[in-house]
N, C-alpha and C. Protein backbone atom coordinates (compact mmCIF):
# COMPACT_ATOMS: atom_id res chain seq x y z
N MET A 1 37.73 67.73 -46.70
CA MET A 1 36.61 68.35 -47.17
C MET A 1 35.41 68.88 -45.98
N GLN A 2 34.88 70.42 -46.50
CA GLN A 2 34.13 70.87 -45.60
C GLN A 2 32.86 70.32 -45.40
N GLU A 3 32.00 70.03 -44.27
CA GLU A 3 30.70 69.47 -44.19
C GLU A 3 29.75 70.69 -44.96
N PRO A 4 28.64 70.15 -45.66
CA PRO A 4 27.63 71.36 -45.94
C PRO A 4 27.03 71.71 -44.86
N ASP A 5 26.84 72.95 -44.95
CA ASP A 5 25.88 73.80 -44.08
C ASP A 5 24.68 73.46 -44.02
N ASP A 6 23.81 73.95 -43.21
CA ASP A 6 22.13 73.54 -42.84
C ASP A 6 21.70 73.83 -44.11
N LEU A 7 21.63 75.01 -44.86
CA LEU A 7 21.07 75.47 -45.81
C LEU A 7 21.37 74.62 -47.14
N SER A 8 22.91 74.24 -47.58
CA SER A 8 23.04 73.39 -48.58
C SER A 8 22.32 72.01 -48.61
N ARG A 9 22.55 71.55 -47.20
CA ARG A 9 21.67 70.21 -46.91
C ARG A 9 20.24 70.07 -47.29
N MET A 10 19.59 71.08 -46.62
CA MET A 10 18.17 71.28 -46.86
C MET A 10 17.55 71.88 -48.47
N ALA A 11 18.68 72.50 -49.12
CA ALA A 11 18.30 72.74 -50.60
C ALA A 11 18.56 71.20 -51.36
N ASP A 12 19.56 70.49 -51.02
CA ASP A 12 19.73 69.38 -51.26
C ASP A 12 18.77 68.51 -51.22
N PHE A 13 18.28 68.43 -50.38
CA PHE A 13 16.97 67.57 -49.72
C PHE A 13 15.89 67.71 -50.55
N LEU A 14 15.33 69.20 -50.66
CA LEU A 14 14.36 69.30 -51.48
C LEU A 14 14.19 69.32 -52.93
N TYR A 15 15.54 69.57 -53.53
CA TYR A 15 15.59 69.90 -54.83
C TYR A 15 16.64 69.04 -55.46
N GLY A 16 17.54 68.10 -54.65
CA GLY A 16 18.37 67.37 -55.32
C GLY A 16 17.90 66.13 -56.13
N ASN A 17 18.47 65.35 -56.59
CA ASN A 17 18.15 63.98 -56.92
C ASN A 17 18.06 63.01 -56.12
N GLY A 18 16.87 62.25 -56.14
CA GLY A 18 16.93 60.98 -55.64
C GLY A 18 16.74 59.79 -56.44
N VAL A 19 16.56 58.77 -55.79
CA VAL A 19 16.40 57.59 -56.56
C VAL A 19 14.61 57.20 -57.15
N HIS A 20 14.44 57.34 -58.61
CA HIS A 20 13.37 57.12 -58.94
C HIS A 20 12.37 56.10 -58.69
N LEU A 21 11.10 56.48 -58.62
CA LEU A 21 10.07 55.79 -57.91
C LEU A 21 8.66 55.97 -59.03
N ASP A 22 8.25 54.83 -59.44
CA ASP A 22 6.91 54.98 -60.15
C ASP A 22 5.80 55.23 -59.06
N GLY A 23 4.66 55.91 -59.18
CA GLY A 23 3.90 56.17 -58.15
C GLY A 23 2.44 55.67 -58.96
N CYS A 24 1.50 56.06 -58.47
CA CYS A 24 0.11 55.72 -59.13
C CYS A 24 -0.01 56.28 -60.21
N GLU A 25 -0.37 55.52 -61.36
CA GLU A 25 -0.37 55.67 -62.88
C GLU A 25 -2.06 56.09 -63.11
N LEU A 26 -2.77 56.02 -62.36
CA LEU A 26 -4.17 56.81 -62.30
C LEU A 26 -4.46 58.19 -62.56
N GLU A 27 -5.43 58.49 -63.41
CA GLU A 27 -5.94 59.85 -63.35
C GLU A 27 -6.53 60.52 -62.00
N GLU A 28 -6.62 61.27 -61.77
CA GLU A 28 -7.03 61.96 -60.45
C GLU A 28 -8.42 61.08 -60.24
N LYS A 29 -9.25 61.20 -60.85
CA LYS A 29 -10.60 60.63 -60.89
C LYS A 29 -10.46 59.40 -60.23
N ALA A 30 -10.01 58.60 -61.12
CA ALA A 30 -9.84 57.11 -60.92
C ALA A 30 -9.43 56.68 -59.84
N ALA A 31 -7.93 57.67 -59.38
CA ALA A 31 -7.15 57.41 -58.17
C ALA A 31 -8.37 57.52 -56.89
N MET A 32 -9.08 58.77 -57.06
CA MET A 32 -9.98 58.84 -55.86
C MET A 32 -10.85 57.90 -55.68
N ALA A 33 -11.46 57.35 -56.62
CA ALA A 33 -12.13 56.22 -56.85
C ALA A 33 -11.46 54.92 -56.13
N GLU A 34 -10.28 54.62 -56.44
CA GLU A 34 -9.72 53.44 -56.05
C GLU A 34 -9.11 53.56 -54.63
N VAL A 35 -8.94 54.75 -54.21
CA VAL A 35 -8.63 54.79 -52.71
C VAL A 35 -10.11 54.77 -51.89
N ARG A 36 -10.84 55.41 -52.19
CA ARG A 36 -11.96 55.04 -51.63
C ARG A 36 -12.65 53.79 -51.53
N ARG A 37 -12.41 52.74 -52.62
CA ARG A 37 -12.60 51.44 -52.65
C ARG A 37 -11.74 50.58 -51.51
N ARG A 38 -10.54 50.93 -51.56
CA ARG A 38 -9.50 50.36 -50.93
C ARG A 38 -9.44 50.62 -49.30
N TYR A 39 -9.72 51.77 -49.15
CA TYR A 39 -9.73 52.44 -47.62
C TYR A 39 -10.81 53.43 -47.50
N PRO A 40 -12.27 52.61 -47.27
CA PRO A 40 -13.54 53.03 -47.43
C PRO A 40 -13.63 54.16 -46.27
N HIS A 41 -12.69 54.08 -45.17
CA HIS A 41 -13.08 54.85 -44.05
C HIS A 41 -12.09 55.67 -43.27
N LYS A 42 -11.17 56.04 -44.18
CA LYS A 42 -9.69 56.41 -44.09
C LYS A 42 -9.90 57.74 -45.10
N PRO A 43 -9.36 59.20 -44.60
CA PRO A 43 -9.18 60.23 -45.26
C PRO A 43 -7.88 60.07 -46.19
N PHE A 44 -8.19 60.68 -47.43
CA PHE A 44 -6.87 60.40 -48.08
C PHE A 44 -6.43 61.91 -48.95
N CYS A 45 -5.21 61.96 -49.65
CA CYS A 45 -4.60 63.20 -49.97
C CYS A 45 -4.02 62.67 -51.27
N LEU A 46 -4.22 63.49 -52.10
CA LEU A 46 -3.75 63.12 -53.84
C LEU A 46 -2.53 64.04 -53.74
N VAL A 47 -1.24 63.53 -54.06
CA VAL A 47 0.01 64.47 -53.86
C VAL A 47 0.59 63.89 -55.27
N ARG A 48 1.34 65.39 -55.87
CA ARG A 48 2.19 65.06 -57.17
C ARG A 48 3.79 65.38 -56.40
N ARG A 49 4.76 65.45 -57.05
CA ARG A 49 6.03 66.05 -56.98
C ARG A 49 6.71 65.47 -55.34
N TRP A 50 6.56 64.12 -55.36
CA TRP A 50 6.40 63.22 -53.91
C TRP A 50 7.73 62.99 -53.88
N MET A 51 8.28 62.44 -52.81
CA MET A 51 9.21 61.48 -52.41
C MET A 51 8.89 60.89 -51.42
N LEU A 52 9.58 59.76 -51.39
CA LEU A 52 9.22 58.90 -49.84
C LEU A 52 10.85 59.15 -49.42
N VAL A 53 10.73 59.37 -48.16
CA VAL A 53 11.60 59.69 -47.17
C VAL A 53 12.25 58.54 -46.40
N ASP A 54 13.47 57.84 -46.26
CA ASP A 54 13.81 57.01 -45.34
C ASP A 54 14.66 57.83 -44.26
N LEU A 55 13.78 57.88 -42.95
CA LEU A 55 14.34 58.53 -42.08
C LEU A 55 15.73 58.11 -41.30
N LEU A 56 16.66 58.77 -41.07
CA LEU A 56 17.78 58.27 -40.58
C LEU A 56 17.63 58.45 -38.83
N VAL A 57 17.48 57.54 -38.11
CA VAL A 57 17.44 57.62 -36.98
C VAL A 57 18.36 56.87 -36.09
N ALA A 58 18.59 57.17 -34.88
CA ALA A 58 19.34 56.46 -33.91
C ALA A 58 18.59 55.06 -33.56
N GLU A 59 19.42 53.90 -33.46
CA GLU A 59 19.05 52.87 -33.07
C GLU A 59 17.75 52.78 -32.17
N GLN A 60 17.75 53.36 -30.84
CA GLN A 60 16.95 53.28 -30.17
C GLN A 60 15.85 53.82 -30.62
N THR A 61 15.67 54.97 -31.59
CA THR A 61 14.44 55.60 -31.86
C THR A 61 14.17 54.61 -32.74
N LEU A 62 14.77 54.02 -33.76
CA LEU A 62 14.31 52.98 -34.52
C LEU A 62 13.30 51.89 -34.01
N THR A 63 14.09 51.53 -32.60
CA THR A 63 13.49 50.25 -32.20
C THR A 63 12.13 50.64 -31.79
N GLY A 64 11.91 52.00 -30.91
CA GLY A 64 10.45 52.60 -30.76
C GLY A 64 9.60 52.42 -31.77
N ILE A 65 10.28 53.02 -32.82
CA ILE A 65 9.30 53.34 -34.37
C ILE A 65 8.74 51.90 -34.20
N GLN A 66 9.51 51.07 -34.63
CA GLN A 66 9.18 49.55 -35.09
C GLN A 66 8.21 49.21 -34.19
N ALA A 67 8.21 49.32 -32.59
CA ALA A 67 7.52 48.37 -31.78
C ALA A 67 6.37 49.28 -31.62
N SER A 68 6.08 50.31 -32.24
CA SER A 68 4.55 50.91 -32.25
C SER A 68 3.93 50.83 -33.70
N GLY A 69 4.81 49.71 -34.51
CA GLY A 69 4.29 49.30 -35.43
C GLY A 69 4.02 50.12 -36.92
N ARG A 70 4.86 51.14 -36.95
CA ARG A 70 5.34 51.94 -37.87
C ARG A 70 6.54 51.74 -38.53
N LEU A 71 6.92 52.04 -39.62
CA LEU A 71 8.00 51.92 -40.28
C LEU A 71 8.78 53.53 -40.40
N PRO A 72 10.27 53.63 -40.55
CA PRO A 72 10.88 54.88 -40.58
C PRO A 72 10.88 55.79 -41.79
N LEU A 73 9.45 55.38 -42.39
CA LEU A 73 9.56 56.11 -43.81
C LEU A 73 8.07 57.22 -43.78
N LEU A 74 8.49 58.21 -44.60
CA LEU A 74 7.18 59.26 -44.76
C LEU A 74 7.27 59.71 -46.07
N VAL A 75 6.05 60.45 -46.11
CA VAL A 75 5.72 61.14 -47.48
C VAL A 75 6.18 62.37 -47.46
N PHE A 76 7.11 63.21 -48.42
CA PHE A 76 6.96 64.84 -48.48
C PHE A 76 6.65 65.08 -49.83
N ALA A 77 5.70 65.66 -49.97
CA ALA A 77 5.04 65.99 -51.20
C ALA A 77 5.24 67.90 -51.25
N HIS A 78 5.87 67.86 -52.54
CA HIS A 78 5.82 69.68 -52.79
C HIS A 78 4.44 70.04 -53.33
N GLU A 79 3.63 69.05 -53.85
CA GLU A 79 2.23 69.71 -54.39
C GLU A 79 1.10 68.87 -53.94
N VAL A 80 0.44 69.23 -52.97
CA VAL A 80 -1.09 68.51 -52.86
C VAL A 80 -2.16 69.00 -53.66
N VAL A 81 -2.67 68.06 -54.33
CA VAL A 81 -3.87 67.91 -55.37
C VAL A 81 -5.00 68.26 -54.73
N PHE A 82 -5.41 66.93 -53.97
CA PHE A 82 -6.66 67.08 -53.30
C PHE A 82 -6.68 66.43 -51.88
N ASP A 83 -7.35 66.97 -50.88
CA ASP A 83 -7.31 66.39 -49.71
C ASP A 83 -8.65 66.27 -49.22
N SER A 84 -9.29 64.90 -48.88
CA SER A 84 -10.67 64.48 -48.65
C SER A 84 -10.90 64.86 -47.50
N ALA A 85 -9.84 65.30 -46.23
CA ALA A 85 -10.32 66.11 -45.39
C ALA A 85 -10.24 67.36 -45.02
N GLY A 86 -9.70 68.07 -46.10
CA GLY A 86 -9.89 69.72 -46.23
C GLY A 86 -8.64 70.12 -45.23
N ARG A 87 -7.72 69.52 -44.97
CA ARG A 87 -6.82 69.93 -44.23
C ARG A 87 -5.74 70.80 -44.90
N PHE A 88 -5.39 70.20 -45.99
CA PHE A 88 -4.61 70.95 -46.99
C PHE A 88 -4.89 71.68 -48.36
N ALA A 89 -4.57 72.63 -48.67
CA ALA A 89 -5.30 73.30 -49.89
C ALA A 89 -4.50 72.85 -51.12
N PRO A 90 -5.20 72.80 -52.15
CA PRO A 90 -4.16 72.29 -53.46
C PRO A 90 -3.13 73.17 -53.83
N GLY A 91 -2.03 72.80 -54.12
CA GLY A 91 -0.71 73.34 -54.27
C GLY A 91 -0.05 73.61 -53.02
N ASP A 92 -0.73 73.56 -51.79
CA ASP A 92 0.23 73.20 -50.64
C ASP A 92 1.23 72.13 -50.58
N TRP A 93 2.19 72.32 -49.68
CA TRP A 93 3.52 71.09 -49.38
C TRP A 93 2.99 70.23 -48.23
N VAL A 94 3.31 69.11 -48.28
CA VAL A 94 2.64 68.28 -47.03
C VAL A 94 4.11 67.00 -46.70
N ARG A 95 3.98 66.78 -45.38
CA ARG A 95 4.67 65.88 -44.93
C ARG A 95 4.05 65.12 -43.91
N SER A 96 3.71 63.65 -44.29
CA SER A 96 3.15 62.75 -43.36
C SER A 96 3.55 62.49 -42.50
N SER A 97 2.82 61.46 -41.50
CA SER A 97 3.38 60.88 -40.45
C SER A 97 3.98 59.49 -41.03
N LEU A 98 4.47 58.97 -39.97
CA LEU A 98 5.04 57.59 -40.33
C LEU A 98 4.15 56.48 -40.96
N CYS A 99 4.87 55.79 -41.99
CA CYS A 99 4.16 54.63 -42.64
C CYS A 99 3.85 53.65 -41.54
N ILE A 100 2.63 53.16 -41.91
CA ILE A 100 2.32 51.94 -41.26
C ILE A 100 2.12 50.71 -42.29
N THR A 101 2.09 51.01 -43.62
CA THR A 101 2.10 49.87 -44.48
C THR A 101 3.19 50.41 -45.84
N CYS A 102 3.75 49.31 -46.24
CA CYS A 102 4.63 49.76 -46.99
C CYS A 102 3.91 50.29 -48.65
N PRO A 103 4.30 51.53 -48.97
CA PRO A 103 3.78 51.79 -50.48
C PRO A 103 3.29 50.51 -51.57
N GLU A 104 2.34 50.42 -52.13
CA GLU A 104 1.88 49.70 -52.89
C GLU A 104 1.43 50.26 -54.07
N ASP A 105 1.95 50.24 -55.25
CA ASP A 105 1.52 51.09 -56.41
C ASP A 105 0.88 52.24 -56.17
N GLY A 106 1.69 53.12 -55.46
CA GLY A 106 1.12 54.32 -55.26
C GLY A 106 0.64 54.84 -54.23
N PHE A 107 -0.01 53.79 -53.23
CA PHE A 107 -0.66 54.17 -52.10
C PHE A 107 -0.21 53.96 -50.82
N PHE A 108 -0.06 54.76 -50.11
CA PHE A 108 1.04 54.91 -48.82
C PHE A 108 0.30 55.22 -47.62
N GLU A 109 0.34 54.39 -46.49
CA GLU A 109 -0.71 54.67 -45.73
C GLU A 109 -0.08 54.67 -44.10
N THR A 110 -0.70 55.96 -43.69
CA THR A 110 -0.18 56.20 -42.02
C THR A 110 -1.52 55.85 -41.35
N GLY A 111 -1.02 56.44 -40.22
CA GLY A 111 -2.26 55.97 -39.23
C GLY A 111 -3.52 56.84 -39.35
N ASN A 112 -3.16 57.63 -39.83
CA ASN A 112 -4.55 58.28 -40.13
C ASN A 112 -4.84 58.91 -41.42
N THR A 113 -4.09 58.71 -42.62
CA THR A 113 -4.13 59.11 -43.98
C THR A 113 -3.81 58.30 -45.14
N VAL A 114 -4.18 58.17 -46.31
CA VAL A 114 -3.85 57.28 -47.11
C VAL A 114 -3.30 58.49 -48.09
N TYR A 115 -1.99 58.33 -48.52
CA TYR A 115 -1.43 59.30 -49.67
C TYR A 115 -1.32 58.65 -50.74
N VAL A 116 -2.03 59.17 -51.91
CA VAL A 116 -1.77 58.72 -53.27
C VAL A 116 -1.07 59.39 -54.09
N LEU A 117 0.15 58.67 -54.33
CA LEU A 117 1.30 59.27 -55.07
C LEU A 117 1.27 59.38 -56.57
N LEU A 118 0.86 60.27 -57.16
CA LEU A 118 0.28 60.56 -58.28
C LEU A 118 1.88 60.41 -59.12
N GLY A 119 1.87 59.86 -60.41
CA GLY A 119 2.94 59.94 -61.35
C GLY A 119 4.31 59.78 -60.69
N ASP A 120 5.51 60.03 -60.99
CA ASP A 120 6.58 59.81 -60.91
C ASP A 120 7.15 60.51 -59.47
N GLY A 121 7.95 59.91 -58.92
CA GLY A 121 8.60 60.69 -57.57
C GLY A 121 9.86 59.74 -57.47
N CYS A 122 10.30 60.05 -56.04
CA CYS A 122 11.63 59.52 -55.95
C CYS A 122 11.72 59.00 -54.58
N THR A 123 13.00 58.50 -54.16
CA THR A 123 13.15 57.97 -52.59
C THR A 123 14.50 58.61 -52.35
N LYS A 124 14.64 59.08 -50.79
CA LYS A 124 15.69 59.90 -50.58
C LYS A 124 16.02 59.39 -48.79
N GLN A 125 16.99 59.34 -48.48
CA GLN A 125 17.29 59.39 -46.89
C GLN A 125 17.27 60.92 -46.49
N ALA A 126 17.00 60.91 -45.37
CA ALA A 126 17.19 62.26 -44.32
C ALA A 126 17.39 62.02 -43.29
N ASP A 127 18.35 62.74 -42.57
CA ASP A 127 17.90 63.08 -41.06
C ASP A 127 16.60 63.46 -40.57
N TYR A 128 16.09 62.91 -39.42
CA TYR A 128 14.64 63.45 -39.13
C TYR A 128 14.96 64.86 -38.63
N LYS A 129 15.87 65.55 -37.94
CA LYS A 129 16.00 66.69 -37.39
C LYS A 129 15.79 67.42 -38.81
N LEU A 130 16.71 67.20 -39.95
CA LEU A 130 16.53 68.39 -40.98
C LEU A 130 15.14 68.25 -41.58
N LEU A 131 14.53 67.29 -41.85
CA LEU A 131 12.97 66.83 -42.31
C LEU A 131 12.04 67.67 -41.19
N PHE A 132 12.15 67.48 -39.97
CA PHE A 132 11.21 68.22 -39.19
C PHE A 132 11.64 69.81 -39.04
N SER A 133 12.73 70.24 -39.43
CA SER A 133 12.90 71.51 -39.45
C SER A 133 12.27 72.43 -40.46
N ILE A 134 11.55 71.97 -41.44
CA ILE A 134 10.77 72.46 -42.34
C ILE A 134 9.24 72.87 -41.88
N HIS A 135 9.11 74.16 -42.11
CA HIS A 135 7.73 74.54 -41.40
C HIS A 135 6.70 75.15 -42.46
């Protein structure tokens, strides 16, 4: 069997099926109030059509990630709803930095932002080179 080409792998990552996950079930205004309550001093970004990406990395890279207090996990979202810091416009896509706390009921924390994962999403695995080739 032939290896899938880069374009096929990219299409599968972006649009293929993943394992279903429930996100934040709050309405947008309630989600904003809750993220401000939980993380009062941190910028936040509400997103839809999201996936949690478990990065496939070499053992040495994994060791370095874990030593820095992060996990090899990030958010990729097809749709930004609202960004409190104004970095992303509604409708933009976004790829987060690495996770520092595991997602809890749709709240995903990185070193500089909390992503509120609105509605349903999924989880997938991806090679970091593939994921970071998206611009």
